[in-house]
Amino acid sequence: MTTDLLFVHSSDELYGADRVLGYLIDALTEDEVRRCRVWLPSDLEHGDYPLCVRLAARGVRVDHVPLPILRRANLNPKGFADLSRRSLAFRRSVAKLSPKTVYGTTSATLPGLAALAGDSPRLILHNQEVWKPREAKLLGLLAERVDRIIAISKATRDSMPQRLQSRTVIVSNTTPDPHNNPGFTNLSDIAVDPLRFLAAGRWTANKGFDVLVDAWNEAPVGELTIVGGPPPSGESIDLRRLVGDSRHSDSISLLGEVSSIEPLIEQAHVVVMPSTWDEPFGLVALEGMAAGRPVVASRVGGLAQFVNDDVGWLVEPSNPVALAAVLGSITYEQVVEKGRRARREYSEHFSPQRFHLAWRAATGLD
């Protein structure tokens, strides 16, 4: 069977960008799924919950390929030489497959898209990152010949060079509606006291979990659960040590990676995203809102564009004292009211149905 749409993805996990790829697949018809293919990188080991298993169960053909993925570890002469070799090999492999469209799902896939410039496939980039000024120069050059760019937020679009923004459409992320799950747990179904807070994501400095633990040390306000794990490459924080050293460690549960955070959100009152950088979107926050849980989030990037005082609380990033003050001020009555508004905001603006229509229109599938 011919391949119409080739997705090129930069990891094989189940974190934000990985889940978004799954939502793109969900927007395809069954015939389109049969005619699409996903290439995942072969240079990283599988985690406990690899994306490839989820995609294969969906009926998608998945291959692990030596892709030219831009990683911080290869931003050196040797790394660039390796990227060049992989890019040439990638171009030859794509030519053999002859897809109509090649879809890079993250900015890290741009070396591969740049290698295809001038060939016949239509090139689409799904920008799920906020480009820093220095990065934007290189990424902008690599994206010069991309036909269409889809940005997940205004923050991601505005971080790109002006010349690329005319080819860019903003399609905000989505998440499946948890209310459709059998046995969904409403806020009213869990105990009022103590208040339970949930944070989830990669244990890197830019996710702000160290700031969260520092804030919790000011005065615990209930129970805190942190989910995730260190990245397969790049720097991470020693979160286990920070939690172990906390004088309130008995009220903090540190979990590893899980296949889904939905059950954990359903047992929480509030979702916390203490990011210290320009978060491109903040999928965990949206997952909380979908479940009717309010969100405490840093006033950064895409997070600040859909989390507000109606659906939660915004705090300045990297400020544990300010974060502690907000966490300590939350009442159950506020949780219920803001959670109700959060659920309404999700239903009106971020439902899968809206996402599917917007994404298909942006990509030209409809």
Protein backbone atom coordinates (compact mmCIF):
# COMPACT_ATOMS: atom_id res chain seq x y z
CA MET A 1 0.00 0.00 0.00
CA THR A 2 1.26 3.49 -0.83
CA THR A 3 2.18 5.97 1.90
CA ASP A 4 0.40 9.31 1.63
CA LEU A 5 1.51 10.81 4.95
CA LEU A 6 4.83 10.15 6.71
CA PHE A 7 5.10 11.39 10.29
CA VAL A 8 8.65 11.92 11.56
CA HIS A 9 8.88 12.09 15.35
CA SER A 10 11.80 12.77 17.69
CA SER A 11 11.12 10.42 20.63
CA ASP A 12 9.41 7.19 21.62
CA GLU A 13 7.73 8.02 24.92
CA LEU A 14 4.36 9.17 26.21
CA TYR A 15 5.04 12.76 27.23
CA GLY A 16 3.37 15.87 25.82
CA ALA A 17 4.67 15.95 22.25
CA ASP A 18 4.32 12.17 21.99
CA ARG A 19 0.68 12.27 23.05
CA VAL A 20 0.03 15.06 20.55
CA LEU A 21 1.19 12.78 17.73
CA GLY A 22 -1.42 10.29 18.89
CA TYR A 23 -4.08 13.02 18.69
CA LEU A 24 -3.00 13.79 15.11
CA ILE A 25 -3.50 10.14 14.23
CA ASP A 26 -6.96 10.27 15.87
CA ALA A 27 -7.88 13.10 13.47
CA LEU A 28 -7.33 10.82 10.45
CA THR A 29 -9.92 8.62 8.80
CA GLU A 30 -9.38 4.88 8.93
CA ASP A 31 -8.29 4.88 5.29
CA GLU A 32 -5.82 7.70 6.03
CA VAL A 33 -4.43 5.74 8.97
CA ARG A 34 -3.79 2.77 6.69
CA ARG A 35 -1.96 5.07 4.28
CA CYS A 36 0.18 6.82 6.87
CA ARG A 37 3.42 5.75 8.48
CA VAL A 38 5.40 6.89 11.51
CA TRP A 39 9.18 6.97 11.73
CA LEU A 40 10.62 7.07 15.25
CA PRO A 41 14.31 7.52 16.16
CA SER A 42 16.50 4.47 16.67
CA ASP A 43 19.16 6.24 18.77
CA LEU A 44 17.22 6.24 22.07
CA GLU A 45 16.26 3.23 24.16
CA HIS A 46 12.64 2.38 24.79
CA GLY A 47 11.16 3.53 28.07
CA ASP A 48 8.64 1.53 30.06
CA TYR A 49 5.78 3.08 28.09
CA PRO A 50 6.90 3.57 24.48
CA LEU A 51 4.83 5.49 21.98
CA CYS A 52 5.36 2.84 19.32
CA VAL A 53 3.19 0.35 21.22
CA ARG A 54 0.29 2.80 21.37
CA LEU A 55 0.60 3.63 17.68
CA ALA A 56 0.82 -0.01 16.62
CA ALA A 57 -2.32 -0.78 18.62
CA ARG A 58 -4.02 2.00 16.67
CA GLY A 59 -3.13 0.19 13.43
CA VAL A 60 -0.32 2.55 12.40
CA ARG A 61 2.79 1.19 10.75
CA VAL A 62 5.80 2.25 12.83
CA ASP A 63 9.50 1.99 11.95
CA HIS A 64 12.53 2.87 14.06
CA VAL A 65 14.94 4.70 11.77
CA PRO A 66 18.32 6.48 12.26
CA LEU A 67 16.70 9.90 11.93
CA PRO A 68 18.54 13.25 11.76
CA ILE A 69 17.14 14.60 15.03
CA LEU A 70 18.47 17.88 16.40
CA ARG A 71 19.44 17.32 20.04
CA ARG A 72 21.46 19.52 22.37
CA ALA A 73 24.00 16.71 22.69
CA ASN A 74 24.91 16.97 18.99
CA LEU A 75 25.35 20.76 18.84
CA ASN A 76 29.08 20.41 18.19
CA PRO A 77 31.28 19.74 15.12
CA LYS A 78 31.11 15.96 15.51
CA GLY A 79 27.36 16.08 16.07
CA PHE A 80 26.74 18.27 13.03
CA ALA A 81 28.81 15.90 10.88
CA ASP A 82 26.69 13.00 12.09
CA LEU A 83 23.50 14.97 11.39
CA SER A 84 24.69 15.59 7.84
CA ARG A 85 25.27 11.88 7.23
CA ARG A 86 21.91 10.97 8.71
CA SER A 87 20.19 13.68 6.68
CA LEU A 88 21.53 12.28 3.41
CA ALA A 89 20.51 8.76 4.38
CA PHE A 90 17.09 10.07 5.43
CA ARG A 91 16.59 11.74 2.06
CA ARG A 92 17.39 8.50 0.24
CA SER A 93 14.99 6.52 2.46
CA VAL A 94 12.16 9.01 1.94
CA ALA A 95 12.73 8.93 -1.84
CA LYS A 96 12.24 5.14 -1.80
CA LEU A 97 9.02 5.47 0.20
CA SER A 98 7.77 8.37 -1.97
CA PRO A 99 5.17 9.85 0.40
CA LYS A 100 2.98 12.77 -0.67
CA THR A 101 3.53 14.64 2.62
CA VAL A 102 6.28 14.48 5.23
CA TYR A 103 5.15 15.80 8.59
CA GLY A 104 7.78 16.76 11.20
CA THR A 105 6.03 16.65 14.57
CA THR A 106 8.60 18.70 16.54
CA SER A 107 11.24 21.32 15.75
CA ALA A 108 13.90 18.68 16.42
CA THR A 109 12.89 17.01 13.12
CA LEU A 110 13.81 20.09 11.07
CA PRO A 111 17.18 18.71 9.82
CA GLY A 112 15.25 15.94 8.09
CA LEU A 113 12.72 18.34 6.58
CA ALA A 114 15.53 20.62 5.39
CA ALA A 115 17.21 17.64 3.71
CA LEU A 116 14.06 17.12 1.62
CA ALA A 117 13.83 20.72 0.38
CA GLY A 118 13.44 20.71 -3.38
CA ASP A 119 12.09 17.16 -3.50
CA SER A 120 8.48 16.29 -4.27
CA PRO A 121 6.91 15.71 -0.81
CA ARG A 122 4.94 18.52 0.76
CA LEU A 123 6.66 19.49 4.03
CA ILE A 124 4.77 20.35 7.22
CA LEU A 125 6.23 21.24 10.62
CA HIS A 126 4.25 20.95 13.84
CA ASN A 127 6.04 23.44 16.08
CA GLN A 128 5.64 22.37 19.70
CA GLU A 129 8.49 24.49 21.05
CA VAL A 130 9.19 28.12 21.90
CA TRP A 131 12.32 29.03 19.95
CA LYS A 132 14.87 31.01 21.93
CA PRO A 133 16.47 33.91 20.00
CA ARG A 134 19.76 32.10 19.32
CA GLU A 135 17.99 28.87 18.37
CA ALA A 136 15.58 30.74 16.09
CA LYS A 137 18.39 31.68 13.70
CA LEU A 138 19.35 28.05 13.03
CA LEU A 139 15.81 26.65 13.17
CA GLY A 140 14.55 29.44 10.92
CA LEU A 141 17.10 28.51 8.25
CA LEU A 142 16.16 24.84 8.50
CA ALA A 143 12.47 25.70 8.18
CA GLU A 144 12.96 28.02 5.19
CA ARG A 145 11.54 25.56 2.64
CA VAL A 146 8.77 24.09 4.80
CA ASP A 147 5.41 24.53 3.08
CA ARG A 148 3.21 24.90 6.16
CA ILE A 149 3.88 25.34 9.88
CA ILE A 150 1.35 24.52 12.57
CA ALA A 151 2.05 26.16 15.94
CA ILE A 152 0.43 24.91 19.14
CA SER A 153 0.15 28.38 20.68
CA LYS A 154 0.68 32.07 20.02
CA ALA A 155 3.87 31.78 22.10
CA THR A 156 5.34 29.19 19.72
CA ARG A 157 4.34 31.14 16.62
CA ASP A 158 5.68 34.46 17.92
CA SER A 159 9.05 32.91 18.78
CA MET A 160 9.73 32.13 15.12
CA PRO A 161 11.28 34.58 12.63
CA GLN A 162 8.71 36.94 11.16
CA ARG A 163 9.22 35.58 7.65
CA LEU A 164 7.92 32.15 8.75
CA GLN A 165 4.83 33.40 10.53
CA SER A 166 2.91 34.02 7.30
CA ARG A 167 3.04 30.26 6.67
CA THR A 168 1.99 29.44 10.21
CA VAL A 169 -1.43 28.51 11.56
CA ILE A 170 -2.14 28.21 15.29
CA VAL A 171 -3.95 25.01 16.23
CA SER A 172 -4.17 24.69 20.00
CA ASN A 173 -3.64 21.29 21.54
CA THR A 174 -6.39 19.00 22.68
CA THR A 175 -6.77 16.03 24.99
CA PRO A 176 -9.39 13.28 25.04
CA ASP A 177 -12.46 13.98 27.14
CA PRO A 178 -11.99 12.00 30.39
CA HIS A 179 -15.71 12.19 31.07
CA ASN A 180 -16.09 9.54 28.36
CA ASN A 181 -14.08 7.06 30.42
CA PRO A 182 -16.08 4.41 32.31
CA GLY A 183 -16.13 5.19 36.02
CA PHE A 184 -14.82 8.75 35.68
CA THR A 185 -14.26 10.31 39.11
CA ASN A 186 -15.72 13.77 39.65
CA LEU A 187 -14.42 16.22 42.23
CA SER A 188 -17.49 15.51 44.33
CA ASP A 189 -16.51 11.84 44.48
CA ILE A 190 -13.22 12.36 46.36
CA ALA A 191 -12.68 13.39 49.98
CA VAL A 192 -12.62 17.13 50.65
CA ASP A 193 -9.70 16.98 53.06
CA PRO A 194 -6.77 16.97 52.61
CA LEU A 195 -6.44 18.90 49.36
CA ARG A 196 -4.48 16.84 46.84
CA PHE A 197 -2.11 18.48 44.35
CA LEU A 198 -0.67 16.78 41.26
CA ALA A 199 2.32 17.75 39.09
CA ALA A 200 3.56 15.70 36.14
CA GLY A 201 6.29 15.93 33.52
CA ARG A 202 9.96 15.51 32.80
CA TRP A 203 12.25 16.02 35.80
CA THR A 204 14.20 18.85 34.19
CA ALA A 205 14.99 22.28 35.59
CA ASN A 206 12.65 24.06 33.19
CA LYS A 207 9.63 22.16 34.55
CA GLY A 208 10.15 23.78 37.95
CA PHE A 209 9.65 20.77 40.22
CA ASP A 210 12.55 21.96 42.38
CA VAL A 211 10.70 25.27 42.81
CA LEU A 212 7.56 23.33 43.74
CA VAL A 213 9.39 21.31 46.41
CA ASP A 214 10.89 24.54 47.81
CA ALA A 215 7.40 26.05 47.94
CA TRP A 216 6.04 22.95 49.65
CA ASN A 217 8.79 23.27 52.26
CA GLU A 218 7.37 26.67 53.22
CA ALA A 219 4.24 24.99 54.52
CA PRO A 220 2.56 21.84 53.21
CA VAL A 221 -1.09 22.43 52.40
CA GLY A 222 -2.25 18.87 51.87
CA GLU A 223 -0.80 16.05 49.79
CA LEU A 224 1.48 16.46 46.76
CA THR A 225 2.08 13.86 44.05
CA ILE A 226 4.77 14.33 41.40
CA VAL A 227 4.83 11.99 38.39
CA GLY A 228 7.41 11.50 35.66
CA GLY A 229 11.09 10.76 35.28
CA PRO A 230 14.40 12.09 33.98
CA PRO A 231 14.82 12.59 30.22
CA PRO A 232 16.60 9.89 28.18
CA SER A 233 19.16 12.49 27.14
CA GLY A 234 20.14 15.88 28.48
CA GLU A 235 20.30 17.25 32.00
CA SER A 236 17.83 16.46 34.77
CA ILE A 237 17.36 17.49 38.38
CA ASP A 238 17.82 15.05 41.26
CA LEU A 239 14.20 15.20 42.31
CA ARG A 240 14.40 12.10 44.49
CA ARG A 241 17.10 13.75 46.59
CA LEU A 242 15.15 17.02 46.83
CA VAL A 243 12.05 15.20 48.02
CA GLY A 244 14.05 13.03 50.40
CA ASP A 245 15.67 16.11 51.93
CA SER A 246 12.36 17.94 52.31
CA ARG A 247 11.23 18.43 55.89
CA HIS A 248 7.73 17.61 54.67
CA SER A 249 8.65 14.57 52.61
CA ASP A 250 5.94 12.53 54.34
CA SER A 251 3.29 14.55 52.45
CA ILE A 252 4.98 14.16 49.04
CA SER A 253 4.54 11.09 46.84
CA LEU A 254 7.12 10.78 44.06
CA LEU A 255 6.00 8.37 41.37
CA GLY A 256 7.87 7.18 38.31
CA GLU A 257 6.54 7.13 34.78
CA VAL A 258 2.98 5.92 34.22
CA SER A 259 1.08 4.91 31.12
CA SER A 260 -1.55 7.59 31.76
CA ILE A 261 -1.93 10.40 34.28
CA GLU A 262 -5.73 10.51 33.90
CA PRO A 263 -6.42 8.27 36.94
CA LEU A 264 -4.07 10.42 39.03
CA ILE A 265 -5.76 13.64 37.91
CA GLU A 266 -9.11 12.16 38.90
CA GLN A 267 -7.79 11.60 42.45
CA ALA A 268 -6.43 15.15 42.70
CA HIS A 269 -8.13 18.45 43.49
CA VAL A 270 -5.62 20.75 41.77
CA VAL A 271 -3.07 20.33 38.96
CA VAL A 272 0.20 22.28 39.29
CA MET A 273 2.53 23.35 36.45
CA PRO A 274 5.41 25.36 38.01
CA SER A 275 7.40 25.75 34.76
CA THR A 276 10.36 28.12 34.85
CA TRP A 277 10.62 28.71 31.08
CA ASP A 278 8.37 29.73 28.20
CA GLU A 279 6.20 26.62 28.22
CA PRO A 280 5.02 26.09 24.61
CA PHE A 281 1.54 25.03 25.71
CA GLY A 282 1.11 23.00 28.89
CA LEU A 283 -0.75 19.80 28.01
CA VAL A 284 -0.89 18.58 31.62
CA ALA A 285 -2.76 21.77 32.56
CA LEU A 286 -5.30 21.13 29.80
CA GLU A 287 -5.71 17.52 30.95
CA GLY A 288 -6.53 18.83 34.40
CA MET A 289 -9.06 21.31 33.02
CA ALA A 290 -10.71 18.56 30.94
CA ALA A 291 -11.30 16.66 34.18
CA GLY A 292 -12.77 19.73 35.87
CA ARG A 293 -9.68 20.41 37.98
CA PRO A 294 -8.35 23.96 38.37
CA VAL A 295 -4.70 24.69 37.59
CA VAL A 296 -1.89 26.51 39.38
CA ALA A 297 0.53 27.54 36.64
CA SER A 298 3.50 29.80 36.03
CA ARG A 299 2.81 32.95 34.05
CA VAL A 300 4.93 31.84 31.08
CA GLY A 301 4.53 31.11 27.37
CA GLY A 302 1.50 29.21 26.18
CA LEU A 303 0.38 28.42 29.73
CA ALA A 304 -0.46 32.06 30.38
CA GLN A 305 -2.59 32.12 27.25
CA PHE A 306 -5.24 29.68 28.47
CA VAL A 307 -4.81 29.48 32.25
CA ASN A 308 -6.28 32.51 34.03
CA ASP A 309 -8.03 33.54 37.25
CA ASP A 310 -11.27 31.97 36.07
CA VAL A 311 -9.85 28.46 35.74
CA GLY A 312 -6.99 28.57 38.25
CA TRP A 313 -4.15 30.69 39.54
CA LEU A 314 -1.12 32.19 37.76
CA VAL A 315 2.13 32.83 39.62
CA GLU A 316 5.46 34.31 38.63
CA PRO A 317 7.97 31.60 37.64
CA SER A 318 10.95 30.56 39.79
CA ASN A 319 9.41 32.12 42.90
CA PRO A 320 8.80 29.47 45.59
CA VAL A 321 7.56 32.04 48.11
CA ALA A 322 4.88 33.31 45.72
CA LEU A 323 3.95 29.74 44.77
CA ALA A 324 3.70 28.74 48.43
CA ALA A 325 1.42 31.70 49.10
CA VAL A 326 -0.94 30.69 46.29
CA LEU A 327 -1.00 27.02 47.29
CA GLY A 328 -1.71 27.98 50.90
CA SER A 329 -4.61 30.26 49.94
CA ILE A 330 -6.63 27.69 48.01
CA THR A 331 -9.96 26.63 49.51
CA TYR A 332 -12.15 23.72 48.52
CA GLU A 333 -14.90 26.14 47.48
CA GLN A 334 -12.49 27.78 45.05
CA VAL A 335 -11.46 24.39 43.71
CA VAL A 336 -15.08 23.50 42.93
CA GLU A 337 -15.93 26.83 41.27
CA LYS A 338 -12.73 27.21 39.25
CA GLY A 339 -12.86 23.51 38.33
CA ARG A 340 -16.35 24.00 36.90
CA ARG A 341 -15.12 26.91 34.78
CA ALA A 342 -12.04 24.96 33.70
CA ARG A 343 -14.21 22.14 32.43
CA ARG A 344 -16.39 24.59 30.50
CA GLU A 345 -13.34 26.28 28.95
CA TYR A 346 -12.02 22.91 27.78
CA SER A 347 -15.38 21.88 26.28
CA GLU A 348 -15.83 25.16 24.43
CA HIS A 349 -12.32 25.70 23.08
CA PHE A 350 -10.13 22.58 23.33
CA SER A 351 -12.31 19.55 22.59
CA PRO A 352 -11.04 16.83 20.23
CA GLN A 353 -13.80 17.68 17.77
CA ARG A 354 -12.64 21.30 17.47
CA PHE A 355 -9.02 20.20 17.23
CA HIS A 356 -9.69 17.68 14.47
CA LEU A 357 -11.55 20.22 12.34
CA ALA A 358 -8.92 22.94 12.84
CA TRP A 359 -5.97 20.63 12.23
CA ARG A 360 -7.41 19.04 9.10
CA ALA A 361 -8.18 22.49 7.68
CA ALA A 362 -4.66 23.72 8.49
CA THR A 363 -3.00 20.73 6.84
CA GLY A 364 -5.27 20.75 3.80
CA LEU A 365 -6.72 17.30 4.47
CA ASP A 366 -10.22 18.73 4.07
